[in-house]
Amino acid sequence: MYNLYLKNRKGKLIAAKEKPFQTEEEFEKYLLNTKELFLDIFFLKRQVNTGKDIPDVIGIDRDNNIVIIENKNTIVSEEILPQILRYAIWARTNPDSIKALWLEVKDRPEDIEVEWDNVDIRIIVLAPAIKLSVQRLLKTINENVELIEVKRFLIGNEEVILLNKLEEEPEKNTRTVRGMEVYDKVFYKKYKNNKSVDVFFRVVDEVDNLVKKKGWNLERKVNKNYAGFKMGFPNVFGIHWIGSKSFGFFFKVNIPLYKKIKKLSPYDMEYDERWKQATVRYNTNIDVKKLSKVFEVVYNAFVEK
């Protein structure tokens, strides 16, 4: 049970009142209308009939994964596991069906190139509550599944969204069952320019050092196509690949904040409305320290949300 409070500037505690979703349809529409939670996913279509199941949302993410999102406005138990496996099997055996959905979209992102002959599957389950047994049993299947609890609260007239991503706890003296890919230099050098990979990780380390020096509460996570610094579920900023040789910094900001940090940046900056992010392309003349004020403003904006 979650107890959420707001401590105002006068030191008074104000209890948040949980506002449950009345129906699964309301839950799904609410999440789809709050796309800031899924800025790394490009939605293709809702309610796709696979023959036996109807996934709530199908999309493609920045790591070129096929993303299947399942929304449940109830407590999720281990009974969802067969459904997850059916989704994964369908996506792997029907890439042409998903490719057709991709080709139907007119405003496809230019920076996503899907390798349809070698697709990876990412499944996201969203629900108000998820039993721990689901998390434990996921270890028995070799699939990339994210379990995220979503709750909505009211504080006065303001809504607060609480996200709790269930993380797998490592077990002592137990061999890992799930063989997930490790996105390190060895992995990147299979697909990217070798010299660029070395520079990429050096720049990631420089940003990581800045984060640690400032004492910011961010988690570094390297993915298939980018290294992100996350505050809980969403990325705050990071470094992403643009092709096989080039990469750049990205900052998850809205347009008003973009206009502010653009003035602070000593380097050219562009805005991508689709991904809600500002980008600075990296070159050998860029010094991470000279971007520190930009990183700081973006981080503080997330803290104040």
C-alpha atoms as a PDB file:
ATOM      1  CA  MET A   1       0.000   0.000   0.000  1.00  0.00           C
ATOM      2  CA  TYR A   2       1.341   3.388  -1.018  1.00  0.00           C
ATOM      3  CA  ASN A   3       0.987   6.458   1.194  1.00  0.00           C
ATOM      4  CA  LEU A   4       1.828   9.640  -0.697  1.00  0.00           C
ATOM      5  CA  TYR A   5       2.192  13.062   0.906  1.00  0.00           C
ATOM      6  CA  LEU A   6       3.106  16.546  -0.238  1.00  0.00           C
ATOM      7  CA  LYS A   7       5.091  18.679   2.167  1.00  0.00           C
ATOM      8  CA  ASN A   8       4.426  22.310   1.289  1.00  0.00           C
ATOM      9  CA  ARG A   9       6.733  25.262   1.891  1.00  0.00           C
ATOM     10  CA  LYS A  10       5.165  25.888   5.291  1.00  0.00           C
ATOM     11  CA  GLY A  11       6.083  22.367   6.385  1.00  0.00           C
ATOM     12  CA  LYS A  12       2.498  21.097   6.318  1.00  0.00           C
ATOM     13  CA  LEU A  13       1.887  17.534   5.143  1.00  0.00           C
ATOM     14  CA  ILE A  14      -0.954  17.105   2.667  1.00  0.00           C
ATOM     15  CA  ALA A  15      -2.116  13.539   2.051  1.00  0.00           C
ATOM     16  CA  ALA A  16      -2.654  12.515  -1.552  1.00  0.00           C
ATOM     17  CA  LYS A  17      -5.925  10.778  -2.320  1.00  0.00           C
ATOM     18  CA  GLU A  18      -5.738   7.803  -4.648  1.00  0.00           C
ATOM     19  CA  LYS A  19      -7.964   8.150  -7.713  1.00  0.00           C
ATOM     20  CA  PRO A  20      -8.376   4.661  -9.201  1.00  0.00           C
ATOM     21  CA  PHE A  21      -9.303   4.202 -12.840  1.00  0.00           C
ATOM     22  CA  GLN A  22     -12.897   3.076 -13.180  1.00  0.00           C
ATOM     23  CA  THR A  23     -12.482   0.932 -16.289  1.00  0.00           C
ATOM     24  CA  GLU A  24      -9.707  -0.596 -18.373  1.00  0.00           C
ATOM     25  CA  GLU A  25     -10.735   1.683 -21.250  1.00  0.00           C
ATOM     26  CA  GLU A  26     -10.252   4.765 -19.053  1.00  0.00           C
ATOM     27  CA  PHE A  27      -6.887   3.419 -17.878  1.00  0.00           C
ATOM     28  CA  GLU A  28      -5.700   2.850 -21.455  1.00  0.00           C
ATOM     29  CA  LYS A  29      -6.882   6.221 -22.776  1.00  0.00           C
ATOM     30  CA  TYR A  30      -5.302   8.013 -19.833  1.00  0.00           C
ATOM     31  CA  LEU A  31      -1.909   6.418 -20.503  1.00  0.00           C
ATOM     32  CA  LEU A  32      -2.096   7.039 -24.253  1.00  0.00           C
ATOM     33  CA  ASN A  33      -2.910  10.692 -23.591  1.00  0.00           C
ATOM     34  CA  THR A  34       0.089  10.929 -21.256  1.00  0.00           C
ATOM     35  CA  LYS A  35       2.685  10.146 -23.907  1.00  0.00           C
ATOM     36  CA  GLU A  36       5.415  11.855 -21.887  1.00  0.00           C
ATOM     37  CA  LEU A  37       5.677   8.511 -20.065  1.00  0.00           C
ATOM     38  CA  PHE A  38       6.612   6.754 -23.302  1.00  0.00           C
ATOM     39  CA  LEU A  39       8.803   9.235 -25.157  1.00  0.00           C
ATOM     40  CA  ASP A  40      11.097   6.500 -26.477  1.00  0.00           C
ATOM     41  CA  ILE A  41       8.233   4.588 -28.108  1.00  0.00           C
ATOM     42  CA  PHE A  42       6.593   5.415 -31.426  1.00  0.00           C
ATOM     43  CA  PHE A  43       3.030   4.070 -31.338  1.00  0.00           C
ATOM     44  CA  LEU A  44       1.845   2.259 -34.474  1.00  0.00           C
ATOM     45  CA  LYS A  45      -1.650   1.023 -33.679  1.00  0.00           C
ATOM     46  CA  ARG A  46      -4.069   0.145 -30.901  1.00  0.00           C
ATOM     47  CA  GLN A  47      -6.127  -3.013 -30.522  1.00  0.00           C
ATOM     48  CA  VAL A  48      -4.452  -5.227 -33.133  1.00  0.00           C
ATOM     49  CA  ASN A  49      -6.125  -8.608 -33.610  1.00  0.00           C
ATOM     50  CA  THR A  50      -3.451 -11.334 -33.573  1.00  0.00           C
ATOM     51  CA  GLY A  51      -5.951 -14.153 -34.037  1.00  0.00           C
ATOM     52  CA  LYS A  52      -6.281 -15.110 -30.371  1.00  0.00           C
ATOM     53  CA  ASP A  53      -5.292 -11.972 -28.489  1.00  0.00           C
ATOM     54  CA  ILE A  54      -5.681  -8.232 -28.995  1.00  0.00           C
ATOM     55  CA  PRO A  55      -2.667  -6.291 -27.658  1.00  0.00           C
ATOM     56  CA  ASP A  56      -3.575  -2.838 -26.430  1.00  0.00           C
ATOM     57  CA  VAL A  57      -0.747  -1.030 -28.239  1.00  0.00           C
ATOM     58  CA  ILE A  58       1.981  -1.979 -30.712  1.00  0.00           C
ATOM     59  CA  GLY A  59       4.924   0.317 -31.355  1.00  0.00           C
ATOM     60  CA  ILE A  60       8.614   0.639 -32.191  1.00  0.00           C
ATOM     61  CA  ASP A  61      11.148   2.106 -29.758  1.00  0.00           C
ATOM     62  CA  ARG A  62      14.414   3.979 -30.212  1.00  0.00           C
ATOM     63  CA  ASP A  63      16.329   0.704 -29.832  1.00  0.00           C
ATOM     64  CA  ASN A  64      14.476  -0.773 -32.829  1.00  0.00           C
ATOM     65  CA  ASN A  65      12.458  -3.162 -30.658  1.00  0.00           C
ATOM     66  CA  ILE A  66       8.905  -4.123 -31.458  1.00  0.00           C
ATOM     67  CA  VAL A  67       7.014  -2.948 -28.382  1.00  0.00           C
ATOM     68  CA  ILE A  68       3.795  -4.571 -27.197  1.00  0.00           C
ATOM     69  CA  ILE A  69       1.978  -2.798 -24.370  1.00  0.00           C
ATOM     70  CA  GLU A  70      -0.669  -4.563 -22.302  1.00  0.00           C
ATOM     71  CA  ASN A  71      -2.822  -2.504 -19.928  1.00  0.00           C
ATOM     72  CA  LYS A  72      -4.660  -4.197 -17.065  1.00  0.00           C
ATOM     73  CA  ASN A  73      -6.884  -2.244 -14.702  1.00  0.00           C
ATOM     74  CA  THR A  74      -6.705  -5.001 -12.101  1.00  0.00           C
ATOM     75  CA  ILE A  75      -4.192  -6.878  -9.992  1.00  0.00           C
ATOM     76  CA  VAL A  76      -1.975  -8.820 -12.401  1.00  0.00           C
ATOM     77  CA  SER A  77      -1.176 -12.412 -11.444  1.00  0.00           C
ATOM     78  CA  GLU A  78       0.925 -15.180 -13.007  1.00  0.00           C
ATOM     79  CA  GLU A  79      -2.046 -15.944 -15.281  1.00  0.00           C
ATOM     80  CA  ILE A  80      -0.716 -13.236 -17.611  1.00  0.00           C
ATOM     81  CA  LEU A  81       2.424 -15.263 -18.482  1.00  0.00           C
ATOM     82  CA  PRO A  82       0.816 -17.415 -21.227  1.00  0.00           C
ATOM     83  CA  GLN A  83      -0.550 -14.225 -22.788  1.00  0.00           C
ATOM     84  CA  ILE A  84       2.933 -12.649 -22.736  1.00  0.00           C
ATOM     85  CA  LEU A  85       4.384 -15.720 -24.449  1.00  0.00           C
ATOM     86  CA  ARG A  86       1.673 -15.663 -27.124  1.00  0.00           C
ATOM     87  CA  TYR A  87       2.433 -11.988 -27.829  1.00  0.00           C
ATOM     88  CA  ALA A  88       6.152 -12.713 -28.192  1.00  0.00           C
ATOM     89  CA  ILE A  89       5.585 -15.730 -30.460  1.00  0.00           C
ATOM     90  CA  TRP A  90       3.140 -13.813 -32.637  1.00  0.00           C
ATOM     91  CA  ALA A  91       5.517 -10.843 -33.028  1.00  0.00           C
ATOM     92  CA  ARG A  92       8.448 -13.090 -33.978  1.00  0.00           C
ATOM     93  CA  THR A  93       6.474 -15.197 -36.453  1.00  0.00           C
ATOM     94  CA  ASN A  94       4.559 -12.301 -38.022  1.00  0.00           C
ATOM     95  CA  PRO A  95       7.094  -9.525 -38.635  1.00  0.00           C
ATOM     96  CA  ASP A  96       5.435  -8.793 -41.978  1.00  0.00           C
ATOM     97  CA  SER A  97       2.180  -7.908 -40.211  1.00  0.00           C
ATOM     98  CA  ILE A  98       3.978  -5.430 -37.972  1.00  0.00           C
ATOM     99  CA  LYS A  99       5.998  -4.114 -40.913  1.00  0.00           C
ATOM    100  CA  ALA A 100       2.706  -3.428 -42.709  1.00  0.00           C
ATOM    101  CA  LEU A 101       1.541  -1.364 -39.726  1.00  0.00           C
ATOM    102  CA  TRP A 102       4.844   0.522 -39.870  1.00  0.00           C
ATOM    103  CA  LEU A 103       4.485   1.262 -43.588  1.00  0.00           C
ATOM    104  CA  GLU A 104       0.917   2.508 -43.113  1.00  0.00           C
ATOM    105  CA  VAL A 105       2.123   5.311 -40.829  1.00  0.00           C
ATOM    106  CA  LYS A 106       2.800   8.527 -42.761  1.00  0.00           C
ATOM    107  CA  ASP A 107       4.982  10.312 -40.185  1.00  0.00           C
ATOM    108  CA  ARG A 108       7.452   7.481 -39.524  1.00  0.00           C
ATOM    109  CA  PRO A 109      10.550   8.615 -37.572  1.00  0.00           C
ATOM    110  CA  GLU A 110      13.524   8.980 -39.915  1.00  0.00           C
ATOM    111  CA  ASP A 111      15.998   7.958 -37.196  1.00  0.00           C
ATOM    112  CA  ILE A 112      14.501   4.480 -36.750  1.00  0.00           C
ATOM    113  CA  GLU A 113      15.550   1.731 -39.154  1.00  0.00           C
ATOM    114  CA  VAL A 114      13.942  -1.567 -38.236  1.00  0.00           C
ATOM    115  CA  GLU A 115      15.787  -4.767 -39.138  1.00  0.00           C
ATOM    116  CA  TRP A 116      12.727  -6.864 -39.835  1.00  0.00           C
ATOM    117  CA  ASP A 117      14.725 -10.068 -40.266  1.00  0.00           C
ATOM    118  CA  ASN A 118      16.241  -9.711 -36.824  1.00  0.00           C
ATOM    119  CA  VAL A 119      13.689  -8.035 -34.578  1.00  0.00           C
ATOM    120  CA  ASP A 120      13.750  -7.987 -30.784  1.00  0.00           C
ATOM    121  CA  ILE A 121      10.576  -7.961 -28.735  1.00  0.00           C
ATOM    122  CA  ARG A 122       9.886  -5.738 -25.730  1.00  0.00           C
ATOM    123  CA  ILE A 123       6.685  -6.305 -23.763  1.00  0.00           C
ATOM    124  CA  ILE A 124       5.408  -3.791 -21.207  1.00  0.00           C
ATOM    125  CA  VAL A 125       2.676  -4.677 -18.710  1.00  0.00           C
ATOM    126  CA  LEU A 126       1.007  -1.723 -17.002  1.00  0.00           C
ATOM    127  CA  ALA A 127      -1.355  -2.216 -14.064  1.00  0.00           C
ATOM    128  CA  PRO A 128      -2.275  -0.660 -10.695  1.00  0.00           C
ATOM    129  CA  ALA A 129      -0.748  -3.664  -8.915  1.00  0.00           C
ATOM    130  CA  ILE A 130       1.329  -6.674  -9.962  1.00  0.00           C
ATOM    131  CA  LYS A 131       1.897  -9.752  -7.796  1.00  0.00           C
ATOM    132  CA  LEU A 132       5.512 -10.566  -6.936  1.00  0.00           C
ATOM    133  CA  SER A 133       4.942 -14.093  -8.219  1.00  0.00           C
ATOM    134  CA  VAL A 134       4.792 -12.681 -11.758  1.00  0.00           C
ATOM    135  CA  GLN A 135       8.230 -11.131 -11.360  1.00  0.00           C
ATOM    136  CA  ARG A 136       9.670 -14.370 -10.005  1.00  0.00           C
ATOM    137  CA  LEU A 137       8.178 -16.557 -12.734  1.00  0.00           C
ATOM    138  CA  LEU A 138       9.476 -14.269 -15.481  1.00  0.00           C
ATOM    139  CA  LYS A 139      12.892 -15.767 -14.771  1.00  0.00           C
ATOM    140  CA  THR A 140      11.688 -18.986 -16.362  1.00  0.00           C
ATOM    141  CA  ILE A 141      11.035 -17.424 -19.776  1.00  0.00           C
ATOM    142  CA  ASN A 142      13.569 -15.846 -22.082  1.00  0.00           C
ATOM    143  CA  GLU A 143      11.664 -12.652 -22.879  1.00  0.00           C
ATOM    144  CA  ASN A 144      12.225  -8.935 -22.358  1.00  0.00           C
ATOM    145  CA  VAL A 145       9.256  -8.022 -20.150  1.00  0.00           C
ATOM    146  CA  GLU A 146       8.821  -4.866 -18.077  1.00  0.00           C
ATOM    147  CA  LEU A 147       6.322  -4.854 -15.207  1.00  0.00           C
ATOM    148  CA  ILE A 148       5.207  -1.360 -14.210  1.00  0.00           C
ATOM    149  CA  GLU A 149       2.664  -0.458 -11.552  1.00  0.00           C
ATOM    150  CA  VAL A 150       0.733   2.730 -12.298  1.00  0.00           C
ATOM    151  CA  LYS A 151      -1.307   4.622  -9.725  1.00  0.00           C
ATOM    152  CA  ARG A 152      -3.018   8.005  -9.913  1.00  0.00           C
ATOM    153  CA  PHE A 153      -3.371  10.369  -6.948  1.00  0.00           C
ATOM    154  CA  LEU A 154      -4.976  13.742  -6.326  1.00  0.00           C
ATOM    155  CA  ILE A 155      -3.391  16.520  -4.278  1.00  0.00           C
ATOM    156  CA  GLY A 156      -5.878  19.364  -4.340  1.00  0.00           C
ATOM    157  CA  ASN A 157      -6.677  19.874  -8.014  1.00  0.00           C
ATOM    158  CA  GLU A 158      -3.370  18.420  -9.194  1.00  0.00           C
ATOM    159  CA  GLU A 159      -2.859  14.841 -10.368  1.00  0.00           C
ATOM    160  CA  VAL A 160       0.203  12.802  -9.446  1.00  0.00           C
ATOM    161  CA  ILE A 161       1.190   9.678 -11.383  1.00  0.00           C
ATOM    162  CA  LEU A 162       3.168   7.079  -9.451  1.00  0.00           C
ATOM    163  CA  LEU A 163       5.195   4.589 -11.495  1.00  0.00           C
ATOM    164  CA  ASN A 164       6.853   1.601  -9.866  1.00  0.00           C
ATOM    165  CA  LYS A 165       8.948  -0.553 -12.192  1.00  0.00           C
ATOM    166  CA  LEU A 166       9.432  -3.975 -10.653  1.00  0.00           C
ATOM    167  CA  GLU A 167      13.091  -4.898 -10.894  1.00  0.00           C
ATOM    168  CA  GLU A 168      14.425  -8.436 -10.853  1.00  0.00           C
ATOM    169  CA  GLU A 169      16.400  -9.173  -7.697  1.00  0.00           C
ATOM    170  CA  PRO A 170      19.608 -11.148  -8.267  1.00  0.00           C
ATOM    171  CA  GLU A 171      19.700 -14.462  -6.459  1.00  0.00           C
ATOM    172  CA  LYS A 172      22.860 -15.672  -4.737  1.00  0.00           C
ATOM    173  CA  ASN A 173      24.542 -18.784  -6.139  1.00  0.00           C
ATOM    174  CA  THR A 174      21.932 -19.057  -8.874  1.00  0.00           C
ATOM    175  CA  ARG A 175      22.654 -19.131 -12.579  1.00  0.00           C
ATOM    176  CA  THR A 176      20.759 -16.469 -14.513  1.00  0.00           C
ATOM    177  CA  VAL A 177      18.106 -18.090 -16.661  1.00  0.00           C
ATOM    178  CA  ARG A 178      17.312 -15.191 -18.933  1.00  0.00           C
ATOM    179  CA  GLY A 179      20.103 -14.509 -21.440  1.00  0.00           C
ATOM    180  CA  MET A 180      19.621 -10.773 -21.991  1.00  0.00           C
ATOM    181  CA  GLU A 181      22.089  -8.954 -24.216  1.00  0.00           C
ATOM    182  CA  VAL A 182      24.813  -6.865 -22.559  1.00  0.00           C
ATOM    183  CA  TYR A 183      25.186  -3.540 -24.346  1.00  0.00           C
ATOM    184  CA  ASP A 184      28.887  -2.877 -23.876  1.00  0.00           C
ATOM    185  CA  LYS A 185      31.798  -1.980 -26.181  1.00  0.00           C
ATOM    186  CA  VAL A 186      31.992  -5.541 -27.516  1.00  0.00           C
ATOM    187  CA  PHE A 187      28.312  -5.432 -28.528  1.00  0.00           C
ATOM    188  CA  TYR A 188      28.511  -1.974 -30.116  1.00  0.00           C
ATOM    189  CA  LYS A 189      31.647  -2.768 -32.104  1.00  0.00           C
ATOM    190  CA  LYS A 190      29.722  -5.466 -33.957  1.00  0.00           C
ATOM    191  CA  TYR A 191      27.447  -2.812 -35.481  1.00  0.00           C
ATOM    192  CA  LYS A 192      29.128   0.587 -35.069  1.00  0.00           C
ATOM    193  CA  ASN A 193      32.383   2.179 -36.135  1.00  0.00           C
ATOM    194  CA  ASN A 194      35.058   0.978 -33.684  1.00  0.00           C
ATOM    195  CA  LYS A 195      36.662   4.377 -33.116  1.00  0.00           C
ATOM    196  CA  SER A 196      33.243   5.983 -32.629  1.00  0.00           C
ATOM    197  CA  VAL A 197      32.351   3.348 -30.015  1.00  0.00           C
ATOM    198  CA  ASP A 198      35.435   4.203 -27.955  1.00  0.00           C
ATOM    199  CA  VAL A 199      34.606   7.904 -28.094  1.00  0.00           C
ATOM    200  CA  PHE A 200      30.927   7.203 -27.301  1.00  0.00           C
ATOM    201  CA  PHE A 201      31.770   5.393 -24.060  1.00  0.00           C
ATOM    202  CA  ARG A 202      34.309   8.057 -23.105  1.00  0.00           C
ATOM    203  CA  VAL A 203      31.616  10.722 -23.477  1.00  0.00           C
ATOM    204  CA  VAL A 204      29.114   8.593 -21.529  1.00  0.00           C
ATOM    205  CA  ASP A 205      31.683   8.313 -18.725  1.00  0.00           C
ATOM    206  CA  GLU A 206      32.187  12.087 -18.760  1.00  0.00           C
ATOM    207  CA  VAL A 207      28.448  12.675 -18.347  1.00  0.00           C
ATOM    208  CA  ASP A 208      28.335   9.996 -15.654  1.00  0.00           C
ATOM    209  CA  ASN A 209      31.148  11.753 -13.782  1.00  0.00           C
ATOM    210  CA  LEU A 210      29.226  15.032 -13.992  1.00  0.00           C
ATOM    211  CA  VAL A 211      26.102  13.336 -12.604  1.00  0.00           C
ATOM    212  CA  LYS A 212      28.054  11.858  -9.687  1.00  0.00           C
ATOM    213  CA  LYS A 213      29.903  15.102  -8.982  1.00  0.00           C
ATOM    214  CA  LYS A 214      26.602  17.004  -8.813  1.00  0.00           C
ATOM    215  CA  GLY A 215      25.012  14.312  -6.648  1.00  0.00           C
ATOM    216  CA  TRP A 216      22.056  13.903  -8.992  1.00  0.00           C
ATOM    217  CA  ASN A 217      19.757  10.964  -8.329  1.00  0.00           C
ATOM    218  CA  LEU A 218      19.987   9.367 -11.771  1.00  0.00           C
ATOM    219  CA  GLU A 219      20.606   5.812 -12.953  1.00  0.00           C
ATOM    220  CA  ARG A 220      22.914   5.219 -15.907  1.00  0.00           C
ATOM    221  CA  LYS A 221      21.639   2.584 -18.311  1.00  0.00           C
ATOM    222  CA  VAL A 222      23.182   1.614 -21.641  1.00  0.00           C
ATOM    223  CA  ASN A 223      20.688   0.282 -24.181  1.00  0.00           C
ATOM    224  CA  LYS A 224      20.942  -1.030 -27.724  1.00  0.00           C
ATOM    225  CA  ASN A 225      20.983   2.405 -29.339  1.00  0.00           C
ATOM    226  CA  TYR A 226      21.630   4.901 -26.535  1.00  0.00           C
ATOM    227  CA  ALA A 227      22.909   5.472 -23.020  1.00  0.00           C
ATOM    228  CA  GLY A 228      20.286   7.119 -20.847  1.00  0.00           C
ATOM    229  CA  PHE A 229      20.323   8.705 -17.419  1.00  0.00           C
ATOM    230  CA  LYS A 230      17.001   7.873 -15.827  1.00  0.00           C
ATOM    231  CA  MET A 231      15.022   9.259 -12.936  1.00  0.00           C
ATOM    232  CA  GLY A 232      12.975   6.197 -12.106  1.00  0.00           C
ATOM    233  CA  PHE A 233      11.201   5.212 -15.317  1.00  0.00           C
ATOM    234  CA  PRO A 234      11.804   8.116 -17.752  1.00  0.00           C
ATOM    235  CA  ASN A 235      15.093   9.280 -19.233  1.00  0.00           C
ATOM    236  CA  VAL A 236      16.199  12.798 -18.289  1.00  0.00           C
ATOM    237  CA  PHE A 237      19.055  13.047 -20.775  1.00  0.00           C
ATOM    238  CA  GLY A 238      21.631  10.848 -22.442  1.00  0.00           C
ATOM    239  CA  ILE A 239      23.702  10.080 -25.519  1.00  0.00           C
ATOM    240  CA  HIS A 240      22.161   8.348 -28.545  1.00  0.00           C
ATOM    241  CA  TRP A 241      23.511   6.983 -31.810  1.00  0.00           C
ATOM    242  CA  ILE A 242      22.744   8.722 -35.099  1.00  0.00           C
ATOM    243  CA  GLY A 243      23.866   6.150 -37.658  1.00  0.00           C
ATOM    244  CA  SER A 244      26.904   3.910 -37.201  1.00  0.00           C
ATOM    245  CA  LYS A 245      29.536   6.637 -36.764  1.00  0.00           C
ATOM    246  CA  SER A 246      27.775   9.650 -35.244  1.00  0.00           C
ATOM    247  CA  PHE A 247      26.032  10.261 -31.958  1.00  0.00           C
ATOM    248  CA  GLY A 248      24.681  13.166 -29.964  1.00  0.00           C
ATOM    249  CA  PHE A 249      23.389  14.342 -26.604  1.00  0.00           C
ATOM    250  CA  PHE A 250      19.633  14.308 -26.018  1.00  0.00           C
ATOM    251  CA  PHE A 251      17.646  16.206 -23.389  1.00  0.00           C
ATOM    252  CA  LYS A 252      14.014  15.310 -22.641  1.00  0.00           C
ATOM    253  CA  VAL A 253      12.359  18.733 -22.538  1.00  0.00           C
ATOM    254  CA  ASN A 254       9.245  20.539 -23.699  1.00  0.00           C
ATOM    255  CA  ILE A 255       9.445  23.471 -26.108  1.00  0.00           C
ATOM    256  CA  PRO A 256       9.548  26.271 -23.451  1.00  0.00           C
ATOM    257  CA  LEU A 257      12.441  24.524 -21.686  1.00  0.00           C
ATOM    258  CA  TYR A 258      14.131  23.872 -25.027  1.00  0.00           C
ATOM    259  CA  LYS A 259      14.120  27.586 -25.775  1.00  0.00           C
ATOM    260  CA  LYS A 260      15.743  28.213 -22.410  1.00  0.00           C
ATOM    261  CA  ILE A 261      18.533  25.640 -22.710  1.00  0.00           C
ATOM    262  CA  LYS A 262      19.212  26.577 -26.333  1.00  0.00           C
ATOM    263  CA  LYS A 263      20.338  29.991 -25.077  1.00  0.00           C
ATOM    264  CA  LEU A 264      22.585  28.315 -22.502  1.00  0.00           C
ATOM    265  CA  SER A 265      24.181  25.885 -24.952  1.00  0.00           C
ATOM    266  CA  PRO A 266      27.457  26.971 -26.588  1.00  0.00           C
ATOM    267  CA  TYR A 267      26.736  24.451 -29.349  1.00  0.00           C
ATOM    268  CA  ASP A 268      24.035  24.148 -32.001  1.00  0.00           C
ATOM    269  CA  MET A 269      20.868  22.523 -30.693  1.00  0.00           C
ATOM    270  CA  GLU A 270      17.819  21.130 -32.491  1.00  0.00           C
ATOM    271  CA  TYR A 271      14.396  20.060 -31.258  1.00  0.00           C
ATOM    272  CA  ASP A 272      12.532  16.887 -32.221  1.00  0.00           C
ATOM    273  CA  GLU A 273       8.830  17.298 -31.556  1.00  0.00           C
ATOM    274  CA  ARG A 274       8.129  13.567 -32.066  1.00  0.00           C
ATOM    275  CA  TRP A 275      10.462  12.455 -29.269  1.00  0.00           C
ATOM    276  CA  LYS A 276      10.056  15.635 -27.168  1.00  0.00           C
ATOM    277  CA  GLN A 277      13.785  16.134 -26.943  1.00  0.00           C
ATOM    278  CA  ALA A 278      16.561  18.574 -27.751  1.00  0.00           C
ATOM    279  CA  THR A 279      19.685  17.216 -29.463  1.00  0.00           C
ATOM    280  CA  VAL A 280      23.282  18.384 -29.707  1.00  0.00           C
ATOM    281  CA  ARG A 281      25.312  16.448 -32.284  1.00  0.00           C
ATOM    282  CA  TYR A 282      28.700  15.449 -30.956  1.00  0.00           C
ATOM    283  CA  ASN A 283      31.961  16.458 -32.594  1.00  0.00           C
ATOM    284  CA  THR A 284      35.567  16.535 -31.365  1.00  0.00           C
ATOM    285  CA  ASN A 285      35.257  20.219 -30.412  1.00  0.00           C
ATOM    286  CA  ILE A 286      32.494  19.628 -27.871  1.00  0.00           C
ATOM    287  CA  ASP A 287      33.392  19.779 -24.198  1.00  0.00           C
ATOM    288  CA  VAL A 288      30.902  18.133 -21.806  1.00  0.00           C
ATOM    289  CA  LYS A 289      31.865  20.624 -19.073  1.00  0.00           C
ATOM    290  CA  LYS A 290      30.610  23.486 -21.254  1.00  0.00           C
ATOM    291  CA  LEU A 291      27.212  21.771 -21.380  1.00  0.00           C
ATOM    292  CA  SER A 292      27.033  21.311 -17.600  1.00  0.00           C
ATOM    293  CA  LYS A 293      24.585  24.209 -17.159  1.00  0.00           C
ATOM    294  CA  VAL A 294      22.250  22.635 -19.720  1.00  0.00           C
ATOM    295  CA  PHE A 295      22.381  19.274 -17.915  1.00  0.00           C
ATOM    296  CA  GLU A 296      21.720  21.039 -14.597  1.00  0.00           C
ATOM    297  CA  VAL A 297      18.702  23.001 -15.830  1.00  0.00           C
ATOM    298  CA  VAL A 298      17.148  19.885 -17.386  1.00  0.00           C
ATOM    299  CA  TYR A 299      17.744  17.826 -14.239  1.00  0.00           C
ATOM    300  CA  ASN A 300      16.252  20.509 -11.973  1.00  0.00           C
ATOM    301  CA  ALA A 301      13.193  20.731 -14.228  1.00  0.00           C
ATOM    302  CA  PHE A 302      12.556  17.000 -13.710  1.00  0.00           C
ATOM    303  CA  VAL A 303      13.047  17.287  -9.939  1.00  0.00           C
ATOM    304  CA  GLU A 304      10.515  20.125  -9.768  1.00  0.00           C
ATOM    305  CA  LYS A 305       7.838  18.241 -11.727  1.00  0.00           C
END
